[in-house]
C-alpha atoms as a PDB file:
ATOM      1  CA  MET A   1       0.000   0.000   0.000  1.00  0.00           C
ATOM      2  CA  ALA A   2       1.453   3.354  -1.041  1.00  0.00           C
ATOM      3  CA  ILE A   3       1.222   6.403   1.136  1.00  0.00           C
ATOM      4  CA  VAL A   4      -0.327   9.419  -0.495  1.00  0.00           C
ATOM      5  CA  LYS A   5      -0.337  13.008   0.676  1.00  0.00           C
ATOM      6  CA  SER A   6      -3.929  12.793   1.968  1.00  0.00           C
ATOM      7  CA  LYS A   7      -3.138   9.731   4.120  1.00  0.00           C
ATOM      8  CA  LEU A   8      -0.022  11.434   5.462  1.00  0.00           C
ATOM      9  CA  LEU A   9      -2.095  14.496   6.323  1.00  0.00           C
ATOM     10  CA  LYS A  10      -4.723  12.340   8.042  1.00  0.00           C
ATOM     11  CA  GLN A  11      -2.063  10.532  10.114  1.00  0.00           C
ATOM     12  CA  LEU A  12      -0.392  13.803  11.124  1.00  0.00           C
ATOM     13  CA  SER A  13      -3.707  15.346  12.156  1.00  0.00           C
ATOM     14  CA  LYS A  14      -4.443  12.235  14.228  1.00  0.00           C
ATOM     15  CA  ASN A  15      -1.024  12.360  15.920  1.00  0.00           C
ATOM     16  CA  TYR A  16      -1.103  16.144  16.428  1.00  0.00           C
ATOM     17  CA  PRO A  17      -4.723  17.114  17.160  1.00  0.00           C
ATOM     18  CA  ASN A  18      -3.698  20.609  18.360  1.00  0.00           C
ATOM     19  CA  PHE A  19      -2.683  21.649  14.819  1.00  0.00           C
ATOM     20  CA  LEU A  20      -5.251  22.698  12.257  1.00  0.00           C
ATOM     21  CA  LYS A  21      -5.486  20.481   9.184  1.00  0.00           C
ATOM     22  CA  LYS A  22      -4.820  23.410   6.837  1.00  0.00           C
ATOM     23  CA  ASP A  23      -1.652  24.291   8.766  1.00  0.00           C
ATOM     24  CA  LEU A  24      -0.384  20.708   8.525  1.00  0.00           C
ATOM     25  CA  GLU A  25      -1.143  20.679   4.807  1.00  0.00           C
ATOM     26  CA  LYS A  26       0.792  23.926   4.384  1.00  0.00           C
ATOM     27  CA  ILE A  27       3.769  22.441   6.282  1.00  0.00           C
ATOM     28  CA  ILE A  28       3.771  19.348   4.051  1.00  0.00           C
ATOM     29  CA  ASP A  29       3.583  21.545   0.928  1.00  0.00           C
ATOM     30  CA  ILE A  30       6.476  23.732   2.116  1.00  0.00           C
ATOM     31  CA  ILE A  31       8.682  20.705   2.849  1.00  0.00           C
ATOM     32  CA  LEU A  32       7.957  19.045  -0.505  1.00  0.00           C
ATOM     33  CA  ASP A  33       8.451  22.317  -2.405  1.00  0.00           C
ATOM     34  CA  GLU A  34      11.812  22.912  -0.712  1.00  0.00           C
ATOM     35  CA  ILE A  35      12.932  19.396  -1.650  1.00  0.00           C
ATOM     36  CA  LYS A  36      11.888  20.011  -5.275  1.00  0.00           C
ATOM     37  CA  ILE A  37      13.642  23.404  -5.436  1.00  0.00           C
ATOM     38  CA  THR A  38      16.841  22.037  -3.924  1.00  0.00           C
ATOM     39  CA  LEU A  39      16.942  19.068  -6.320  1.00  0.00           C
ATOM     40  CA  LYS A  40      16.268  21.384  -9.264  1.00  0.00           C
ATOM     41  CA  LYS A  41      19.348  23.414  -8.257  1.00  0.00           C
ATOM     42  CA  GLY A  42      21.376  20.186  -8.436  1.00  0.00           C
ATOM     43  CA  GLU A  43      21.999  20.035  -4.693  1.00  0.00           C
ATOM     44  CA  ARG A  44      21.330  17.059  -2.453  1.00  0.00           C
ATOM     45  CA  VAL A  45      18.696  16.745   0.259  1.00  0.00           C
ATOM     46  CA  GLU A  46      19.586  14.829   3.414  1.00  0.00           C
ATOM     47  CA  LEU A  47      16.846  13.768   5.814  1.00  0.00           C
ATOM     48  CA  ARG A  48      18.603  12.336   8.861  1.00  0.00           C
ATOM     49  CA  GLY A  49      17.392   8.876   9.772  1.00  0.00           C
ATOM     50  CA  PHE A  50      15.625   8.509   6.407  1.00  0.00           C
ATOM     51  CA  GLY A  51      17.903   9.008   3.427  1.00  0.00           C
ATOM     52  CA  ILE A  52      19.544  11.224   0.842  1.00  0.00           C
ATOM     53  CA  PHE A  53      17.981  12.489  -2.374  1.00  0.00           C
ATOM     54  CA  SER A  54      20.371  13.626  -5.097  1.00  0.00           C
ATOM     55  CA  THR A  55      20.304  14.110  -8.848  1.00  0.00           C
ATOM     56  CA  ASN A  56      22.403  12.385 -11.479  1.00  0.00           C
ATOM     57  CA  ILE A  57      22.674  13.332 -15.121  1.00  0.00           C
ATOM     58  CA  GLN A  58      21.655  10.691 -17.634  1.00  0.00           C
ATOM     59  CA  LYS A  59      23.508  11.173 -20.924  1.00  0.00           C
ATOM     60  CA  ALA A  60      21.724  11.650 -24.235  1.00  0.00           C
ATOM     61  CA  ARG A  61      21.300   8.327 -26.010  1.00  0.00           C
ATOM     62  CA  ILE A  62      19.457   6.447 -28.681  1.00  0.00           C
ATOM     63  CA  SER A  63      16.655   4.396 -27.114  1.00  0.00           C
ATOM     64  CA  ARG A  64      13.924   2.225 -28.539  1.00  0.00           C
ATOM     65  CA  ASN A  65      10.169   2.613 -28.428  1.00  0.00           C
ATOM     66  CA  PRO A  66       9.064  -0.754 -26.977  1.00  0.00           C
ATOM     67  CA  LYS A  67       5.686  -0.638 -28.711  1.00  0.00           C
ATOM     68  CA  THR A  68       6.906  -0.002 -32.256  1.00  0.00           C
ATOM     69  CA  GLY A  69      10.590  -0.928 -32.049  1.00  0.00           C
ATOM     70  CA  GLU A  70      11.451   2.448 -33.596  1.00  0.00           C
ATOM     71  CA  LYS A  71      14.722   4.119 -32.527  1.00  0.00           C
ATOM     72  CA  VAL A  72      14.226   7.401 -30.684  1.00  0.00           C
ATOM     73  CA  ASN A  73      16.752  10.040 -29.641  1.00  0.00           C
ATOM     74  CA  THR A  74      16.499  10.676 -25.912  1.00  0.00           C
ATOM     75  CA  ALA A  75      17.859  13.989 -24.645  1.00  0.00           C
ATOM     76  CA  LYS A  76      20.109  14.286 -21.623  1.00  0.00           C
ATOM     77  CA  LYS A  77      18.114  14.613 -18.408  1.00  0.00           C
ATOM     78  CA  ARG A  78      18.401  14.657 -14.643  1.00  0.00           C
ATOM     79  CA  ILE A  79      17.201  11.682 -12.652  1.00  0.00           C
ATOM     80  CA  ILE A  80      16.610  11.462  -8.913  1.00  0.00           C
ATOM     81  CA  HIS A  81      18.714   9.044  -6.894  1.00  0.00           C
ATOM     82  CA  PHE A  82      17.717   7.971  -3.365  1.00  0.00           C
ATOM     83  CA  LYS A  83      19.987   6.289  -0.858  1.00  0.00           C
ATOM     84  CA  MET A  84      18.454   5.163   2.422  1.00  0.00           C
ATOM     85  CA  THR A  85      20.225   5.374   5.768  1.00  0.00           C
ATOM     86  CA  LYS A  86      21.425   2.323   7.635  1.00  0.00           C
ATOM     87  CA  ASP A  87      18.740   2.933  10.282  1.00  0.00           C
ATOM     88  CA  LEU A  88      15.967   2.810   7.696  1.00  0.00           C
ATOM     89  CA  PHE A  89      17.525  -0.252   6.065  1.00  0.00           C
ATOM     90  CA  LYS A  90      17.590  -2.068   9.425  1.00  0.00           C
ATOM     91  CA  LYS A  91      14.015  -1.046  10.215  1.00  0.00           C
ATOM     92  CA  ILE A  92      12.735  -2.272   6.839  1.00  0.00           C
ATOM     93  CA  ASN A  93      14.612  -5.561   7.088  1.00  0.00           C
ATOM     94  CA  ASP A  94      13.852  -6.173  10.804  1.00  0.00           C
ATOM     95  CA  GLU A  95      17.516  -6.360  11.799  1.00  0.00           C
END
């Protein structure tokens, strides 16, 4: 089951009943926007105890359309790379 923004908001409002829902939503939006802006600048985002988001550049290449088999030129682009912390790895794998 994936977590979506609305479920995250619902869980936060349940855990922190003193905060208004609109304030929590604004906080979530600010955090996500700051992550997006920082990654767009090419910098990395480190969330202690969770992981590191960074961008890598994928070179321009000739790829193939899987439906038609036609060769397509793909421009160079940035991709997001995520590396989890050891704490998160241990928690996920019950170590």
